N, C-alpha and C. Protein backbone atom coordinates (compact mmCIF):
# COMPACT_ATOMS: atom_id res chain seq x y z
N MET A 1 26.44 -7.51 31.92
CA MET A 1 27.29 -6.32 32.11
C MET A 1 26.92 -5.32 30.44
N LEU A 2 27.09 -6.31 29.73
CA LEU A 2 26.55 -5.63 28.50
C LEU A 2 25.82 -4.30 28.66
N ALA A 3 24.18 -5.02 28.85
CA ALA A 3 22.92 -3.78 29.55
C ALA A 3 23.48 -2.62 30.46
N GLN A 4 24.66 -3.49 30.88
CA GLN A 4 24.65 -2.23 31.99
C GLN A 4 25.31 -1.20 31.61
N ALA A 5 26.62 -1.55 30.80
CA ALA A 5 27.34 -0.70 30.13
C ALA A 5 26.09 0.16 28.85
N HIS A 6 25.59 -0.75 27.90
CA HIS A 6 24.47 0.28 27.33
C HIS A 6 23.67 1.11 27.93
N HIS A 7 22.96 0.98 29.08
CA HIS A 7 22.37 1.50 30.08
C HIS A 7 23.30 3.12 30.47
N LEU A 8 24.68 2.47 30.48
CA LEU A 8 25.15 3.97 31.31
C LEU A 8 25.71 4.70 29.82
N LEU A 9 26.11 4.38 28.40
CA LEU A 9 26.31 4.90 27.63
C LEU A 9 25.03 5.73 26.89
N LEU A 10 23.85 5.39 27.57
CA LEU A 10 22.82 6.13 27.06
C LEU A 10 22.65 7.11 27.94
N GLN A 11 22.65 6.82 29.64
CA GLN A 11 23.16 8.58 30.34
C GLN A 11 23.57 9.25 29.91
N VAL A 12 24.99 8.94 29.46
CA VAL A 12 25.91 10.09 28.73
C VAL A 12 25.40 10.34 28.22
N TYR A 13 24.75 9.99 26.91
CA TYR A 13 24.27 10.29 25.55
C TYR A 13 23.21 11.31 25.90
N ARG A 14 21.76 11.07 26.87
CA ARG A 14 20.94 12.06 27.13
C ARG A 14 21.77 13.26 28.25
N ARG A 15 22.64 13.49 28.20
CA ARG A 15 23.47 14.42 28.70
C ARG A 15 24.00 15.58 27.61
N LEU A 16 24.69 14.91 26.48
CA LEU A 16 25.14 15.67 25.68
C LEU A 16 24.11 16.82 25.03
N PRO A 17 24.42 17.78 24.20
CA PRO A 17 24.08 18.90 23.71
C PRO A 17 23.17 17.88 22.73
N VAL A 18 22.05 18.60 22.06
CA VAL A 18 21.09 18.11 20.54
C VAL A 18 22.53 18.10 19.87
N SER A 19 23.52 19.21 19.15
CA SER A 19 24.36 19.09 18.31
C SER A 19 25.61 17.94 18.51
N ALA A 20 26.36 17.51 19.60
CA ALA A 20 27.11 16.59 20.02
C ALA A 20 25.88 14.99 19.84
N ARG A 21 24.79 15.03 20.32
CA ARG A 21 24.12 13.93 20.04
C ARG A 21 23.63 13.34 18.23
N ARG A 22 23.29 14.34 17.63
CA ARG A 22 23.47 14.55 16.01
C ARG A 22 24.53 13.70 15.76
N GLN A 23 25.66 14.44 15.77
CA GLN A 23 27.44 14.15 15.34
C GLN A 23 27.33 12.53 15.70
N VAL A 24 26.97 12.03 16.96
CA VAL A 24 26.95 10.07 17.78
C VAL A 24 26.15 9.45 16.86
N VAL A 25 24.90 10.48 16.32
CA VAL A 25 24.07 9.66 15.02
C VAL A 25 25.05 9.46 13.74
N ARG A 26 25.69 10.22 13.84
CA ARG A 26 26.01 9.87 12.25
C ARG A 26 26.93 8.89 12.12
N VAL A 27 27.70 9.07 13.03
CA VAL A 27 29.06 7.93 12.95
C VAL A 27 28.73 6.73 13.25
N VAL A 28 27.36 6.50 14.72
CA VAL A 28 26.88 5.24 14.85
C VAL A 28 26.06 4.76 13.66
N ALA A 29 24.79 5.34 13.16
CA ALA A 29 24.33 4.85 12.49
C ALA A 29 24.84 4.63 10.80
N PRO A 30 23.70 3.67 9.97
CA PRO A 30 23.79 3.90 8.83
C PRO A 30 23.58 5.07 8.20
N THR A 31 24.73 5.40 7.11
CA THR A 31 23.99 6.49 6.15
C THR A 31 22.96 6.35 4.97
N PHE A 32 22.20 7.00 4.77
CA PHE A 32 21.44 6.58 3.00
C PHE A 32 21.21 7.93 2.75
N SER A 33 21.12 7.91 1.60
CA SER A 33 21.47 9.42 0.78
C SER A 33 19.49 9.12 0.52
N VAL A 34 18.72 10.70 0.38
CA VAL A 34 17.98 9.93 -0.08
C VAL A 34 17.33 11.54 -1.17
N GLY A 35 16.26 10.65 -2.25
CA GLY A 35 16.50 10.97 -3.65
C GLY A 35 14.66 11.17 -3.82
N ALA A 36 14.17 12.16 -4.77
CA ALA A 36 12.92 12.07 -5.04
C ALA A 36 12.82 11.48 -6.27
N ILE A 37 11.68 11.07 -6.85
CA ILE A 37 11.21 10.21 -7.74
C ILE A 37 10.06 11.58 -8.00
N CYS A 38 9.65 11.40 -9.49
CA CYS A 38 8.74 12.42 -9.86
C CYS A 38 7.85 11.53 -10.95
N LEU A 39 6.66 10.90 -10.39
CA LEU A 39 5.87 10.55 -11.45
C LEU A 39 4.91 11.23 -12.30
N ILE A 40 5.08 11.37 -13.34
CA ILE A 40 4.66 13.10 -13.80
C ILE A 40 3.66 12.59 -14.74
N GLU A 41 1.89 12.86 -14.66
CA GLU A 41 0.78 12.88 -15.58
C GLU A 41 0.04 13.88 -15.95
N ARG A 42 0.20 13.49 -17.55
CA ARG A 42 -0.86 14.83 -17.60
C ARG A 42 -2.43 15.08 -17.56
N ALA A 43 -2.76 15.18 -18.04
CA ALA A 43 -4.77 15.14 -17.81
C ALA A 43 -5.00 13.67 -18.70
N ASP A 44 -4.54 13.88 -19.76
CA ASP A 44 -5.15 13.27 -20.85
C ASP A 44 -4.47 11.31 -20.50
N GLY A 45 -3.56 11.26 -19.41
CA GLY A 45 -3.31 10.19 -18.47
C GLY A 45 -2.00 9.64 -18.69
N ALA A 46 -0.99 10.07 -20.05
CA ALA A 46 0.05 10.27 -20.32
C ALA A 46 1.17 10.19 -19.36
N VAL A 47 2.35 9.71 -19.21
CA VAL A 47 3.18 9.91 -18.20
C VAL A 47 4.74 10.39 -18.89
N LEU A 48 5.00 11.38 -18.47
CA LEU A 48 6.56 11.79 -18.73
C LEU A 48 7.79 10.89 -18.83
N LEU A 49 8.43 10.24 -19.03
CA LEU A 49 9.58 9.58 -18.88
C LEU A 49 11.12 10.37 -19.07
N VAL A 50 12.01 9.60 -19.03
CA VAL A 50 13.90 10.41 -19.24
C VAL A 50 13.75 9.35 -19.80
N ARG A 51 15.10 9.57 -20.51
CA ARG A 51 16.02 8.45 -20.60
C ARG A 51 17.39 9.50 -20.29
N HIS A 52 18.13 8.58 -19.33
CA HIS A 52 19.21 9.05 -19.16
C HIS A 52 20.41 8.58 -19.73
N SER A 53 21.40 9.64 -19.97
CA SER A 53 22.80 9.47 -20.71
C SER A 53 23.65 8.18 -19.83
N TYR A 54 23.32 7.72 -18.23
CA TYR A 54 24.15 6.64 -17.92
C TYR A 54 23.23 4.70 -17.77
N ARG A 55 22.00 5.43 -18.63
CA ARG A 55 21.13 4.12 -18.09
C ARG A 55 20.65 3.52 -19.45
N ARG A 56 20.12 2.01 -19.44
CA ARG A 56 19.62 2.07 -20.64
C ARG A 56 18.24 2.13 -21.02
N ARG A 57 17.52 1.95 -20.12
CA ARG A 57 15.88 1.76 -19.43
C ARG A 57 15.54 3.30 -19.40
N TRP A 58 13.99 3.39 -19.81
CA TRP A 58 13.24 5.40 -19.19
C TRP A 58 13.20 4.88 -17.60
N GLY A 59 13.11 6.23 -17.37
CA GLY A 59 13.01 6.76 -15.68
C GLY A 59 12.36 8.07 -15.88
N THR A 60 12.19 8.40 -14.84
CA THR A 60 11.67 9.31 -14.42
C THR A 60 12.33 10.33 -13.92
N PRO A 61 11.57 12.04 -14.13
CA PRO A 61 12.98 12.54 -13.23
C PRO A 61 13.15 12.80 -12.10
N GLY A 62 14.09 12.81 -11.49
CA GLY A 62 13.90 12.99 -10.23
C GLY A 62 16.05 12.67 -10.05
N GLY A 63 16.13 12.96 -8.26
CA GLY A 63 17.55 13.01 -7.88
C GLY A 63 17.74 12.98 -6.82
N LEU A 64 18.70 13.29 -6.49
CA LEU A 64 19.08 13.48 -4.91
C LEU A 64 18.40 15.07 -4.54
N LEU A 65 18.41 15.15 -3.12
CA LEU A 65 18.32 15.87 -2.22
C LEU A 65 19.68 16.76 -1.95
N ALA A 66 19.43 17.97 -2.73
CA ALA A 66 20.43 19.20 -1.87
C ALA A 66 20.68 19.13 -0.08
N ARG A 67 21.41 19.22 0.64
CA ARG A 67 21.63 19.73 1.98
C ARG A 67 20.75 20.83 2.01
N GLY A 68 20.03 20.44 2.71
CA GLY A 68 18.95 21.48 3.98
C GLY A 68 17.94 21.38 2.95
N GLU A 69 17.53 20.83 1.46
CA GLU A 69 16.70 21.15 0.59
C GLU A 69 15.16 20.12 1.43
N THR A 70 14.35 20.43 1.23
CA THR A 70 12.80 20.08 1.62
C THR A 70 13.05 18.78 0.15
N ALA A 71 12.31 17.65 0.64
CA ALA A 71 11.66 16.74 -0.52
C ALA A 71 10.55 17.59 -1.41
N VAL A 72 9.82 18.40 -1.09
CA VAL A 72 9.19 19.02 -2.43
C VAL A 72 9.68 19.36 -3.23
N ASP A 73 10.49 20.70 -2.10
CA ASP A 73 11.19 22.20 -3.72
C ASP A 73 12.40 20.82 -4.32
N GLY A 74 13.06 19.90 -3.56
CA GLY A 74 13.94 19.03 -4.19
C GLY A 74 13.18 18.06 -5.90
N ALA A 75 12.25 17.68 -5.41
CA ALA A 75 11.88 16.65 -6.52
C ALA A 75 11.17 17.77 -7.35
N LYS A 76 10.95 19.58 -7.55
CA LYS A 76 10.49 20.75 -8.14
C LYS A 76 11.69 20.84 -9.18
N ARG A 77 12.65 21.19 -7.91
CA ARG A 77 13.93 21.37 -8.25
C ARG A 77 14.54 20.68 -10.12
N GLU A 78 14.34 19.06 -9.20
CA GLU A 78 15.00 18.12 -10.13
C GLU A 78 14.34 18.27 -12.10
N VAL A 79 12.53 18.42 -11.69
CA VAL A 79 12.47 18.56 -12.85
C VAL A 79 12.30 19.41 -13.49
N ARG A 80 12.42 20.87 -12.68
CA ARG A 80 12.65 21.87 -13.74
C ARG A 80 13.58 21.66 -14.44
N GLU A 81 14.86 21.79 -13.19
CA GLU A 81 16.66 20.75 -14.35
C GLU A 81 16.80 19.90 -15.16
N GLU A 82 15.40 19.02 -15.60
CA GLU A 82 15.81 17.53 -15.86
C GLU A 82 15.10 17.94 -17.17
N VAL A 83 14.03 18.94 -17.42
CA VAL A 83 13.07 19.03 -18.30
C VAL A 83 12.51 20.26 -18.78
N GLY A 84 12.41 21.15 -17.63
CA GLY A 84 12.27 22.39 -17.86
C GLY A 84 10.85 22.83 -17.49
N LEU A 85 10.22 21.90 -16.67
CA LEU A 85 8.92 21.57 -16.66
C LEU A 85 8.41 22.25 -14.91
N GLU A 86 7.35 23.14 -14.63
CA GLU A 86 6.78 23.01 -13.14
C GLU A 86 5.93 22.40 -12.70
N VAL A 87 6.03 21.88 -11.80
CA VAL A 87 5.01 20.22 -11.68
C VAL A 87 4.15 20.77 -9.86
N GLU A 88 2.91 20.50 -10.21
CA GLU A 88 2.44 20.48 -8.42
C GLU A 88 2.54 18.61 -7.83
N MET A 89 2.75 18.25 -6.95
CA MET A 89 2.54 17.16 -6.53
C MET A 89 0.84 17.12 -6.07
N VAL A 90 0.26 15.27 -6.31
CA VAL A 90 -0.80 15.05 -5.78
C VAL A 90 -1.03 13.96 -4.73
N GLY A 91 -1.45 13.84 -3.58
CA GLY A 91 -1.20 13.62 -1.91
C GLY A 91 0.36 13.62 -1.41
N GLU A 92 0.22 12.62 -0.96
CA GLU A 92 1.52 12.74 0.02
C GLU A 92 2.40 11.61 -0.79
N PRO A 93 3.54 11.24 -1.01
CA PRO A 93 4.55 10.98 -1.24
C PRO A 93 5.07 9.06 -0.68
N ALA A 94 4.62 8.04 -1.75
CA ALA A 94 5.16 7.15 -1.39
C ALA A 94 6.72 6.84 -1.05
N VAL A 95 7.10 6.13 0.06
CA VAL A 95 8.28 5.88 0.33
C VAL A 95 9.24 4.81 0.07
N VAL A 96 10.35 4.35 -0.80
CA VAL A 96 10.99 3.42 -1.19
C VAL A 96 12.14 3.47 -0.56
N VAL A 97 12.57 2.47 0.39
CA VAL A 97 14.12 2.01 0.72
C VAL A 97 14.72 0.87 -0.04
N ASP A 98 15.67 1.36 -0.18
CA ASP A 98 16.89 0.26 -1.40
C ASP A 98 18.06 0.19 0.07
N PRO A 99 17.89 -1.01 0.25
CA PRO A 99 19.25 -1.33 1.69
C PRO A 99 20.18 -1.60 0.81
N GLU A 100 20.12 -2.01 -0.40
CA GLU A 100 21.71 -2.46 -0.94
C GLU A 100 22.69 -1.07 -1.14
N PRO A 101 22.01 0.00 -1.72
CA PRO A 101 22.87 1.16 -2.27
C PRO A 101 22.45 1.85 -0.50
N ARG A 102 21.93 1.86 -0.24
CA ARG A 102 22.19 2.47 1.30
C ARG A 102 20.86 4.10 0.78
N ARG A 103 19.81 3.66 -0.04
CA ARG A 103 19.24 5.09 -0.58
C ARG A 103 17.54 4.88 -0.03
N VAL A 104 17.23 6.27 0.02
CA VAL A 104 15.87 6.45 0.36
C VAL A 104 15.13 7.33 -0.62
N ASP A 105 14.30 6.99 -1.17
CA ASP A 105 13.53 7.64 -2.17
C ASP A 105 11.85 8.04 -2.08
N LEU A 106 11.78 9.62 -1.83
CA LEU A 106 10.41 9.93 -2.39
C LEU A 106 9.90 10.13 -3.16
N VAL A 107 8.43 9.18 -3.69
CA VAL A 107 8.27 9.07 -4.73
C VAL A 107 6.96 9.65 -4.43
N TYR A 108 6.73 11.30 -5.67
CA TYR A 108 6.16 11.93 -5.81
C TYR A 108 4.69 11.39 -7.16
N ARG A 109 3.48 11.32 -6.77
CA ARG A 109 2.63 11.67 -8.25
C ARG A 109 2.55 13.30 -8.36
N CYS A 110 2.85 13.41 -9.15
CA CYS A 110 2.74 15.00 -9.92
C CYS A 110 2.04 14.84 -11.33
N ARG A 111 1.72 16.45 -11.42
CA ARG A 111 0.86 17.31 -12.43
C ARG A 111 1.74 18.24 -12.88
N PRO A 112 1.57 18.76 -14.51
CA PRO A 112 1.84 20.12 -14.50
C PRO A 112 1.57 20.76 -13.74
N ALA A 113 1.80 21.75 -13.60
CA ALA A 113 1.45 23.16 -12.94
C ALA A 113 0.67 23.84 -14.22
N PRO A 114 -0.22 24.32 -13.48
CA PRO A 114 -1.34 24.89 -14.49
C PRO A 114 -0.26 26.39 -15.57
N GLY A 115 -1.02 26.22 -16.40
CA GLY A 115 -0.27 27.21 -17.33
C GLY A 115 1.02 26.55 -17.44
N SER A 116 1.47 25.61 -17.55
CA SER A 116 2.52 24.67 -18.15
C SER A 116 2.63 23.99 -19.13
N ASP A 117 3.47 24.68 -20.17
CA ASP A 117 3.54 23.61 -22.02
C ASP A 117 4.27 22.76 -21.30
N THR A 118 3.41 21.56 -21.92
CA THR A 118 3.44 19.91 -21.77
C THR A 118 3.89 19.54 -23.17
N ASP A 119 3.58 20.31 -24.18
CA ASP A 119 4.67 20.48 -25.41
C ASP A 119 6.18 20.31 -25.87
N ALA A 120 6.63 21.29 -24.78
CA ALA A 120 7.76 22.04 -24.96
C ALA A 120 8.64 21.48 -24.22
N VAL A 121 8.54 20.27 -22.91
CA VAL A 121 9.34 19.50 -22.23
C VAL A 121 10.74 18.76 -23.25
N THR A 122 11.29 19.11 -23.16
CA THR A 122 13.10 18.78 -24.10
C THR A 122 13.59 18.65 -22.40
N PRO A 123 15.10 18.12 -23.34
CA PRO A 123 16.63 17.76 -21.96
C PRO A 123 17.27 18.99 -21.77
N GLY A 124 17.03 19.41 -20.04
CA GLY A 124 17.63 20.60 -19.93
C GLY A 124 18.82 19.98 -19.25
N SER A 125 19.28 18.91 -18.52
CA SER A 125 20.58 18.65 -18.17
C SER A 125 20.95 17.67 -18.98
N PRO A 126 22.44 17.68 -19.17
CA PRO A 126 23.43 16.64 -19.61
C PRO A 126 22.97 15.27 -19.24
N GLU A 127 22.61 14.85 -18.36
CA GLU A 127 22.46 13.39 -18.08
C GLU A 127 21.15 12.87 -18.64
N ILE A 128 20.47 13.53 -19.36
CA ILE A 128 18.89 13.83 -19.93
C ILE A 128 19.11 13.63 -21.46
N VAL A 129 18.87 12.81 -22.45
CA VAL A 129 19.32 12.42 -23.82
C VAL A 129 17.90 12.98 -24.50
N GLU A 130 16.68 12.22 -23.43
CA GLU A 130 15.51 12.35 -24.53
C GLU A 130 14.70 12.03 -23.51
N ALA A 131 13.47 13.39 -23.53
CA ALA A 131 12.00 12.81 -22.71
C ALA A 131 11.39 12.44 -23.53
N ARG A 132 9.99 12.06 -23.05
CA ARG A 132 8.59 11.72 -23.95
C ARG A 132 7.73 11.55 -22.83
N TRP A 133 6.50 12.05 -23.60
CA TRP A 133 5.41 11.29 -23.13
C TRP A 133 4.34 10.24 -23.41
N PHE A 134 4.25 8.89 -22.34
CA PHE A 134 3.86 7.52 -22.89
C PHE A 134 2.44 7.61 -22.54
N ALA A 135 1.52 7.19 -23.22
CA ALA A 135 0.45 6.33 -23.15
C ALA A 135 1.07 5.06 -21.92
N VAL A 136 -0.06 5.09 -20.99
CA VAL A 136 -0.18 4.39 -19.85
C VAL A 136 0.44 2.82 -20.68
N SER A 137 -0.90 2.79 -21.84
CA SER A 137 -0.77 0.90 -22.43
C SER A 137 0.06 1.17 -23.39
N ALA A 138 1.65 2.16 -23.72
CA ALA A 138 2.65 1.92 -24.38
C ALA A 138 3.74 1.90 -23.43
N LEU A 139 4.15 1.63 -22.24
CA LEU A 139 5.21 2.23 -21.53
C LEU A 139 6.30 1.42 -22.29
N PRO A 140 7.43 1.82 -22.29
CA PRO A 140 8.89 1.39 -22.37
C PRO A 140 8.91 0.26 -21.78
N GLU A 141 10.55 -0.06 -21.71
CA GLU A 141 11.38 -0.93 -20.84
C GLU A 141 11.67 0.55 -19.64
N LEU A 142 11.31 0.31 -18.61
CA LEU A 142 11.81 0.74 -17.21
C LEU A 142 12.51 0.04 -16.78
N GLN A 143 13.32 1.16 -16.14
CA GLN A 143 14.70 1.30 -14.85
C GLN A 143 13.73 0.82 -14.07
N PRO A 144 14.92 -0.64 -13.58
CA PRO A 144 14.06 -1.33 -12.15
C PRO A 144 13.74 -0.05 -10.88
N GLU A 145 14.62 0.91 -10.52
CA GLU A 145 13.61 1.90 -9.96
C GLU A 145 12.56 2.53 -9.83
N THR A 146 12.58 2.57 -11.56
CA THR A 146 11.79 3.31 -12.19
C THR A 146 10.07 2.55 -11.77
N ALA A 147 10.08 1.16 -12.01
CA ALA A 147 9.44 0.54 -11.54
C ALA A 147 9.42 -0.14 -10.43
N GLY A 148 9.80 0.08 -9.38
CA GLY A 148 9.80 -0.42 -7.98
C GLY A 148 8.80 1.06 -7.25
N ALA A 149 9.13 2.11 -7.92
CA ALA A 149 8.56 3.61 -7.90
C ALA A 149 6.98 3.53 -7.95
N VAL A 150 6.63 3.03 -9.41
CA VAL A 150 5.24 2.41 -9.82
C VAL A 150 4.92 2.11 -8.85
N ARG A 151 5.39 0.80 -8.71
CA ARG A 151 4.27 -0.21 -7.70
C ARG A 151 4.04 0.37 -6.29
N ALA A 152 5.36 1.40 -5.88
CA ALA A 152 5.34 2.06 -4.98
C ALA A 152 3.88 2.69 -4.53
N LEU A 153 3.45 3.63 -5.45
CA LEU A 153 2.58 4.56 -5.88
C LEU A 153 1.15 3.39 -6.04
N ALA A 154 1.40 2.68 -6.51
CA ALA A 154 0.35 2.13 -6.80
C ALA A 154 -0.71 1.17 -5.03
N ARG A 155 0.51 0.61 -4.62
CA ARG A 155 0.82 0.13 -3.47
C ARG A 155 -0.62 1.36 -2.65
N ALA A 156 0.34 2.55 -2.16
CA ALA A 156 0.17 3.22 -1.87
C ALA A 156 -1.50 3.90 -2.07
N ALA A 157 -2.58 3.97 -3.08
CA ALA A 157 -3.00 4.12 -3.72
C ALA A 157 -3.99 3.75 -3.08
N LEU A 158 -3.52 2.07 -3.38
CA LEU A 158 -5.11 1.03 -3.15
C LEU A 158 -4.60 0.35 -1.12
N SER A 159 -3.89 1.73 -0.83
CA SER A 159 -3.92 1.29 0.95
C SER A 159 -5.64 2.54 1.15
N PRO A 160 -5.98 1.35 2.19
CA PRO A 160 -7.13 2.22 2.99
C PRO A 160 -6.81 3.42 3.66
N PRO A 161 -7.30 4.94 3.87
CA PRO A 161 -6.72 5.77 4.40
C PRO A 161 -7.12 5.69 6.05
N ALA A 162 -5.67 5.68 6.73
CA ALA A 162 -5.63 5.97 8.32
C ALA A 162 -6.51 6.61 8.86
N ILE A 163 -6.88 6.17 9.99
CA ILE A 163 -7.58 6.60 10.80
C ILE A 163 -6.65 7.28 12.12
N PRO A 164 -7.26 9.06 12.16
CA PRO A 164 -6.72 9.45 12.38
C PRO A 164 -6.19 9.31 14.38
N LEU A 165 -4.78 9.40 14.02
CA LEU A 165 -4.19 9.23 16.07
C LEU A 165 -4.80 9.98 16.82
N LEU A 166 -5.09 11.66 16.38
CA LEU A 166 -4.99 12.47 17.09
C LEU A 166 -6.54 13.40 16.38
N ARG A 167 -7.66 13.37 16.93
CA ARG A 167 -8.84 13.64 16.74
C ARG A 167 -9.25 15.11 17.50
N THR A 168 -10.30 16.16 16.89
CA THR A 168 -10.34 16.93 17.91
C THR A 168 -11.63 16.88 18.65
N ALA A 169 -12.09 17.78 19.71
CA ALA A 169 -13.19 17.50 20.51
C ALA A 169 -14.32 16.99 19.30
N ASP A 170 -14.42 18.08 18.56
CA ASP A 170 -16.19 17.88 17.62
C ASP A 170 -15.70 16.68 17.09
N GLU A 171 -14.79 16.42 16.92
CA GLU A 171 -14.42 14.80 15.71
C GLU A 171 -14.99 13.42 16.57
N ARG A 172 -14.99 13.92 18.01
CA ARG A 172 -15.25 12.82 19.08
C ARG A 172 -15.90 12.32 19.37
N HIS A 173 -17.42 13.94 19.38
CA HIS A 173 -18.78 13.48 19.27
C HIS A 173 -19.67 12.95 17.95
């Protein structure tokens, strides 16, 4: 009986316009916020950490994405707003899903954009009270989210490259 009802609801859902289907998903599915975390590394290996006004431990620049914003644009915007630095992404992001606060973070490894003055990094937002470069061997106590982001990037770096699912005709021979 339950299986038949489920099948009937799927048939109705299939006939709905795309906009109505999206509304149904938004009502039925759990909601998560999406954020970007940026681990910024200078050429000498130092990483940029920030101290937030509302946290005790050190973290990284980042924050929630704005409606309609891509993850890369949101990550770059957050860094620019928080510490006044332009960055470029290195590789693909790692993904951290935290079910308790219902948050998904895209963790980017970044480097200062060419021509950026890394010595001029200063707090540019009321939520940031301090921004400082640290040697990896001398990191301060990190926020749990930041420590998790570093672990996620490390796991991603150690993972073997994926085999392409689709290959061109030249690659098959």
